[in-house]
Amino acid sequence: MRLYTGVGDRGTTALFDGTTVPKDDPRVAVYGDVDELNATVGVARAAGLPDDLDEMVVAVQRDLFAIGSRLADPRSRISARVTKARIGQSDVERLEAWIDRVDGALPPLRSFILPGGSPTGAALHQARTVCRRAERRIVGLGLEAVEPEILRYVNRLSDLLFALARAVNHRSGAAEIEW
């Protein structure tokens, strides 16, 4: 299989259900943002994460692939065939448990903090902002156009990324700078 197909040379692409849409279609933009988020999370991983946090982030990256596939599937057909493309309430609850665990090991916040710290912490802060953009685009599709678990997952994910950034910075001794 070749890496290039030439199909998109006319400025169009196909969604999972076979529908051809322009590459600037809102649905294509949103799964592009999720892909960018996944790549940004990958940059954070490449900068170096402790093993316990890395396991979480690898699971998140797998989930982001599932979310991207769901967003590319306006008729929700993929989940019936591909179990790893499912995102449900248990996935949201997993994120919540991780947030509680990571945040519970940190000093409480008393004010807003500036994004930054260590290179890994800064990359996680950047991933958090990309996540918020993806969330805004998901909402922009219309709440009826997206499974509610996907929106809940992405909303929790930005909180997890914030907690992970703080944890990485705390463990590395990078000071949090208050606003």
C-alpha atoms as a PDB file:
ATOM      1  CA  MET A   1       0.000   0.000   0.000  1.00  0.00           C
ATOM      2  CA  ARG A   2       1.398   3.391  -0.993  1.00  0.00           C
ATOM      3  CA  LEU A   3       1.509   6.239   1.497  1.00  0.00           C
ATOM      4  CA  TYR A   4      -0.073   8.615  -1.007  1.00  0.00           C
ATOM      5  CA  THR A   5      -3.268   8.023  -2.963  1.00  0.00           C
ATOM      6  CA  GLY A   6      -3.924  11.301  -4.747  1.00  0.00           C
ATOM      7  CA  VAL A   7      -7.563  11.158  -3.658  1.00  0.00           C
ATOM      8  CA  GLY A   8      -7.275  14.444  -1.768  1.00  0.00           C
ATOM      9  CA  ASP A   9      -5.694  16.325  -4.644  1.00  0.00           C
ATOM     10  CA  ARG A  10      -9.041  17.937  -5.445  1.00  0.00           C
ATOM     11  CA  GLY A  11      -9.448  19.282  -1.904  1.00  0.00           C
ATOM     12  CA  THR A  12     -11.845  16.580  -0.744  1.00  0.00           C
ATOM     13  CA  THR A  13     -11.694  13.579   1.534  1.00  0.00           C
ATOM     14  CA  ALA A  14     -13.981  10.719   2.457  1.00  0.00           C
ATOM     15  CA  LEU A  15     -15.521  10.202   5.858  1.00  0.00           C
ATOM     16  CA  PHE A  16     -15.797   6.705   7.305  1.00  0.00           C
ATOM     17  CA  ASP A  17     -19.294   6.247   5.859  1.00  0.00           C
ATOM     18  CA  GLY A  18     -18.067   7.047   2.346  1.00  0.00           C
ATOM     19  CA  THR A  19     -19.416  10.588   2.213  1.00  0.00           C
ATOM     20  CA  THR A  20     -17.089  12.902   0.282  1.00  0.00           C
ATOM     21  CA  VAL A  21     -16.593  16.303   1.915  1.00  0.00           C
ATOM     22  CA  PRO A  22     -14.255  19.262   1.420  1.00  0.00           C
ATOM     23  CA  LYS A  23     -11.110  19.088   3.533  1.00  0.00           C
ATOM     24  CA  ASP A  24     -12.234  22.207   5.385  1.00  0.00           C
ATOM     25  CA  ASP A  25     -15.501  20.546   6.469  1.00  0.00           C
ATOM     26  CA  PRO A  26     -16.084  21.103  10.223  1.00  0.00           C
ATOM     27  CA  ARG A  27     -16.026  17.356  10.878  1.00  0.00           C
ATOM     28  CA  VAL A  28     -12.644  17.019   9.155  1.00  0.00           C
ATOM     29  CA  ALA A  29     -11.359  20.023  11.103  1.00  0.00           C
ATOM     30  CA  VAL A  30     -12.404  18.502  14.418  1.00  0.00           C
ATOM     31  CA  TYR A  31     -10.814  15.123  13.857  1.00  0.00           C
ATOM     32  CA  GLY A  32      -7.754  16.998  12.593  1.00  0.00           C
ATOM     33  CA  ASP A  33      -7.628  18.835  15.917  1.00  0.00           C
ATOM     34  CA  VAL A  34      -7.870  15.514  17.749  1.00  0.00           C
ATOM     35  CA  ASP A  35      -5.015  14.191  15.601  1.00  0.00           C
ATOM     36  CA  GLU A  36      -2.974  17.304  16.451  1.00  0.00           C
ATOM     37  CA  LEU A  37      -3.774  16.738  20.121  1.00  0.00           C
ATOM     38  CA  ASN A  38      -2.532  13.164  19.852  1.00  0.00           C
ATOM     39  CA  ALA A  39       0.699  14.355  18.227  1.00  0.00           C
ATOM     40  CA  THR A  40       1.149  17.033  20.896  1.00  0.00           C
ATOM     41  CA  VAL A  41       0.670  14.417  23.610  1.00  0.00           C
ATOM     42  CA  GLY A  42       3.300  12.379  21.762  1.00  0.00           C
ATOM     43  CA  VAL A  43       5.718  15.299  22.007  1.00  0.00           C
ATOM     44  CA  ALA A  44       5.177  15.330  25.767  1.00  0.00           C
ATOM     45  CA  ARG A  45       5.870  11.592  25.916  1.00  0.00           C
ATOM     46  CA  ALA A  46       9.031  12.057  23.884  1.00  0.00           C
ATOM     47  CA  ALA A  47      10.210  14.712  26.340  1.00  0.00           C
ATOM     48  CA  GLY A  48      10.148  12.035  29.033  1.00  0.00           C
ATOM     49  CA  LEU A  49       7.492  10.950  31.488  1.00  0.00           C
ATOM     50  CA  PRO A  50       7.774   8.855  34.622  1.00  0.00           C
ATOM     51  CA  ASP A  51       6.590   5.292  33.939  1.00  0.00           C
ATOM     52  CA  ASP A  52       3.359   5.587  35.953  1.00  0.00           C
ATOM     53  CA  LEU A  53       2.320   8.722  34.057  1.00  0.00           C
ATOM     54  CA  ASP A  54       3.520   7.362  30.719  1.00  0.00           C
ATOM     55  CA  GLU A  55       1.143   4.407  31.032  1.00  0.00           C
ATOM     56  CA  MET A  56      -1.756   6.839  31.386  1.00  0.00           C
ATOM     57  CA  VAL A  57      -0.630   8.891  28.421  1.00  0.00           C
ATOM     58  CA  VAL A  58      -0.249   5.861  26.146  1.00  0.00           C
ATOM     59  CA  ALA A  59      -3.828   4.857  27.014  1.00  0.00           C
ATOM     60  CA  VAL A  60      -4.954   8.418  26.258  1.00  0.00           C
ATOM     61  CA  GLN A  61      -3.251   8.302  22.854  1.00  0.00           C
ATOM     62  CA  ARG A  62      -5.094   5.085  22.020  1.00  0.00           C
ATOM     63  CA  ASP A  63      -8.353   6.700  23.119  1.00  0.00           C
ATOM     64  CA  LEU A  64      -7.649   9.726  20.936  1.00  0.00           C
ATOM     65  CA  PHE A  65      -7.333   7.443  17.907  1.00  0.00           C
ATOM     66  CA  ALA A  66     -10.724   5.995  18.818  1.00  0.00           C
ATOM     67  CA  ILE A  67     -12.218   9.469  19.197  1.00  0.00           C
ATOM     68  CA  GLY A  68     -10.803  10.553  15.847  1.00  0.00           C
ATOM     69  CA  SER A  69     -12.342   7.523  14.175  1.00  0.00           C
ATOM     70  CA  ARG A  70     -15.685   8.234  15.853  1.00  0.00           C
ATOM     71  CA  LEU A  71     -15.614  11.832  14.682  1.00  0.00           C
ATOM     72  CA  ALA A  72     -14.849  10.677  11.117  1.00  0.00           C
ATOM     73  CA  ASP A  73     -17.941   8.442  11.299  1.00  0.00           C
ATOM     74  CA  PRO A  74     -21.084  10.615  11.248  1.00  0.00           C
ATOM     75  CA  ARG A  75     -23.383   7.565  11.146  1.00  0.00           C
ATOM     76  CA  SER A  76     -21.668   5.793  14.079  1.00  0.00           C
ATOM     77  CA  ARG A  77     -20.975   2.580  12.195  1.00  0.00           C
ATOM     78  CA  ILE A  78     -17.372   1.950  13.218  1.00  0.00           C
ATOM     79  CA  SER A  79     -18.060   1.042  16.847  1.00  0.00           C
ATOM     80  CA  ALA A  80     -20.235  -1.870  15.791  1.00  0.00           C
ATOM     81  CA  ARG A  81     -17.247  -3.379  13.971  1.00  0.00           C
ATOM     82  CA  VAL A  82     -14.161  -2.116  15.778  1.00  0.00           C
ATOM     83  CA  THR A  83     -14.304  -2.534  19.551  1.00  0.00           C
ATOM     84  CA  LYS A  84     -11.150  -0.486  20.164  1.00  0.00           C
ATOM     85  CA  ALA A  85     -12.960   2.497  18.636  1.00  0.00           C
ATOM     86  CA  ARG A  86     -15.484   2.614  21.479  1.00  0.00           C
ATOM     87  CA  ILE A  87     -15.414   5.412  24.036  1.00  0.00           C
ATOM     88  CA  GLY A  88     -17.854   5.165  26.909  1.00  0.00           C
ATOM     89  CA  GLN A  89     -18.637   6.257  30.425  1.00  0.00           C
ATOM     90  CA  SER A  90     -16.071   3.835  31.870  1.00  0.00           C
ATOM     91  CA  ASP A  91     -13.352   5.656  29.898  1.00  0.00           C
ATOM     92  CA  VAL A  92     -14.483   8.986  31.370  1.00  0.00           C
ATOM     93  CA  GLU A  93     -14.477   7.443  34.850  1.00  0.00           C
ATOM     94  CA  ARG A  94     -10.946   6.117  34.263  1.00  0.00           C
ATOM     95  CA  LEU A  95      -9.793   9.666  33.494  1.00  0.00           C
ATOM     96  CA  GLU A  96     -11.525  10.960  36.623  1.00  0.00           C
ATOM     97  CA  ALA A  97      -9.761   8.345  38.769  1.00  0.00           C
ATOM     98  CA  TRP A  98      -6.415   9.319  37.256  1.00  0.00           C
ATOM     99  CA  ILE A  99      -7.104  13.021  37.818  1.00  0.00           C
ATOM    100  CA  ASP A 100      -7.941  12.349  41.468  1.00  0.00           C
ATOM    101  CA  ARG A 101      -4.819  10.208  41.948  1.00  0.00           C
ATOM    102  CA  VAL A 102      -2.421  12.638  40.251  1.00  0.00           C
ATOM    103  CA  ASP A 103      -3.934  15.795  41.723  1.00  0.00           C
ATOM    104  CA  GLY A 104      -4.163  14.250  45.191  1.00  0.00           C
ATOM    105  CA  ALA A 105      -0.376  13.917  45.304  1.00  0.00           C
ATOM    106  CA  LEU A 106       0.172  17.616  44.541  1.00  0.00           C
ATOM    107  CA  PRO A 107       0.149  20.721  46.717  1.00  0.00           C
ATOM    108  CA  PRO A 108      -3.242  22.448  46.456  1.00  0.00           C
ATOM    109  CA  LEU A 109      -3.544  25.343  44.025  1.00  0.00           C
ATOM    110  CA  ARG A 110      -4.077  28.744  45.582  1.00  0.00           C
ATOM    111  CA  SER A 111      -4.121  30.766  42.345  1.00  0.00           C
ATOM    112  CA  PHE A 112      -3.795  30.418  38.612  1.00  0.00           C
ATOM    113  CA  ILE A 113      -0.378  29.300  37.391  1.00  0.00           C
ATOM    114  CA  LEU A 114       1.489  30.170  34.231  1.00  0.00           C
ATOM    115  CA  PRO A 115       1.961  27.292  31.764  1.00  0.00           C
ATOM    116  CA  GLY A 116       5.559  26.156  31.629  1.00  0.00           C
ATOM    117  CA  GLY A 117       8.017  24.526  33.969  1.00  0.00           C
ATOM    118  CA  SER A 118      10.054  21.616  32.680  1.00  0.00           C
ATOM    119  CA  PRO A 119      10.064  20.812  28.952  1.00  0.00           C
ATOM    120  CA  THR A 120       7.700  17.882  29.572  1.00  0.00           C
ATOM    121  CA  GLY A 121       5.429  19.968  31.789  1.00  0.00           C
ATOM    122  CA  ALA A 122       5.307  22.738  29.203  1.00  0.00           C
ATOM    123  CA  ALA A 123       4.476  20.201  26.470  1.00  0.00           C
ATOM    124  CA  LEU A 124       1.606  18.852  28.582  1.00  0.00           C
ATOM    125  CA  HIS A 125       0.318  22.397  29.117  1.00  0.00           C
ATOM    126  CA  GLN A 126       0.415  22.884  25.355  1.00  0.00           C
ATOM    127  CA  ALA A 127      -1.451  19.604  24.860  1.00  0.00           C
ATOM    128  CA  ARG A 128      -4.088  20.879  27.310  1.00  0.00           C
ATOM    129  CA  THR A 129      -4.695  23.975  25.182  1.00  0.00           C
ATOM    130  CA  VAL A 130      -4.933  21.906  21.992  1.00  0.00           C
ATOM    131  CA  CYS A 131      -7.403  19.677  23.845  1.00  0.00           C
ATOM    132  CA  ARG A 132      -9.565  22.688  24.732  1.00  0.00           C
ATOM    133  CA  ARG A 133      -9.563  23.770  21.078  1.00  0.00           C
ATOM    134  CA  ALA A 134     -10.631  20.293  19.998  1.00  0.00           C
ATOM    135  CA  GLU A 135     -13.384  20.424  22.606  1.00  0.00           C
ATOM    136  CA  ARG A 136     -14.653  23.747  21.226  1.00  0.00           C
ATOM    137  CA  ARG A 137     -14.727  22.303  17.713  1.00  0.00           C
ATOM    138  CA  ILE A 138     -16.579  19.211  18.900  1.00  0.00           C
ATOM    139  CA  VAL A 139     -19.215  21.470  20.460  1.00  0.00           C
ATOM    140  CA  GLY A 140     -19.268  23.426  17.190  1.00  0.00           C
ATOM    141  CA  LEU A 141     -20.443  20.323  15.327  1.00  0.00           C
ATOM    142  CA  GLY A 142     -23.605  20.438  17.412  1.00  0.00           C
ATOM    143  CA  LEU A 143     -24.303  18.380  20.482  1.00  0.00           C
ATOM    144  CA  GLU A 144     -26.648  16.127  18.520  1.00  0.00           C
ATOM    145  CA  ALA A 145     -23.864  15.308  16.043  1.00  0.00           C
ATOM    146  CA  VAL A 146     -21.470  13.826  18.616  1.00  0.00           C
ATOM    147  CA  GLU A 147     -21.857  11.103  21.181  1.00  0.00           C
ATOM    148  CA  PRO A 148     -22.022  12.706  24.639  1.00  0.00           C
ATOM    149  CA  GLU A 149     -19.274  10.442  26.009  1.00  0.00           C
ATOM    150  CA  ILE A 150     -16.823  11.893  23.519  1.00  0.00           C
ATOM    151  CA  LEU A 151     -17.452  15.438  24.708  1.00  0.00           C
ATOM    152  CA  ARG A 152     -17.236  14.348  28.372  1.00  0.00           C
ATOM    153  CA  TYR A 153     -13.997  12.458  27.679  1.00  0.00           C
ATOM    154  CA  VAL A 154     -12.327  15.423  25.975  1.00  0.00           C
ATOM    155  CA  ASN A 155     -13.490  17.763  28.736  1.00  0.00           C
ATOM    156  CA  ARG A 156     -11.952  15.501  31.404  1.00  0.00           C
ATOM    157  CA  LEU A 157      -8.836  14.972  29.326  1.00  0.00           C
ATOM    158  CA  SER A 158      -7.902  18.649  29.489  1.00  0.00           C
ATOM    159  CA  ASP A 159      -8.146  18.422  33.293  1.00  0.00           C
ATOM    160  CA  LEU A 160      -5.938  15.320  33.293  1.00  0.00           C
ATOM    161  CA  LEU A 161      -3.360  17.025  31.080  1.00  0.00           C
ATOM    162  CA  PHE A 162      -3.287  19.961  33.503  1.00  0.00           C
ATOM    163  CA  ALA A 163      -2.798  17.616  36.461  1.00  0.00           C
ATOM    164  CA  LEU A 164      -0.086  15.703  34.591  1.00  0.00           C
ATOM    165  CA  ALA A 165       1.737  18.933  33.745  1.00  0.00           C
ATOM    166  CA  ARG A 166       1.679  19.940  37.410  1.00  0.00           C
ATOM    167  CA  ALA A 167       2.813  16.473  38.502  1.00  0.00           C
ATOM    168  CA  VAL A 168       5.716  16.368  36.068  1.00  0.00           C
ATOM    169  CA  ASN A 169       6.811  19.835  37.116  1.00  0.00           C
ATOM    170  CA  HIS A 170       6.465  18.990  40.807  1.00  0.00           C
ATOM    171  CA  ARG A 171       8.456  15.767  40.472  1.00  0.00           C
ATOM    172  CA  SER A 172      11.213  17.527  38.517  1.00  0.00           C
ATOM    173  CA  GLY A 173      11.423  20.407  40.978  1.00  0.00           C
ATOM    174  CA  ALA A 174      10.249  23.004  38.444  1.00  0.00           C
ATOM    175  CA  ALA A 175       8.526  25.823  40.280  1.00  0.00           C
ATOM    176  CA  GLU A 176       4.971  26.809  39.450  1.00  0.00           C
ATOM    177  CA  ILE A 177       4.812  30.512  38.740  1.00  0.00           C
ATOM    178  CA  GLU A 178       1.622  32.106  40.001  1.00  0.00           C
ATOM    179  CA  TRP A 179      -0.233  34.592  37.867  1.00  0.00           C
END
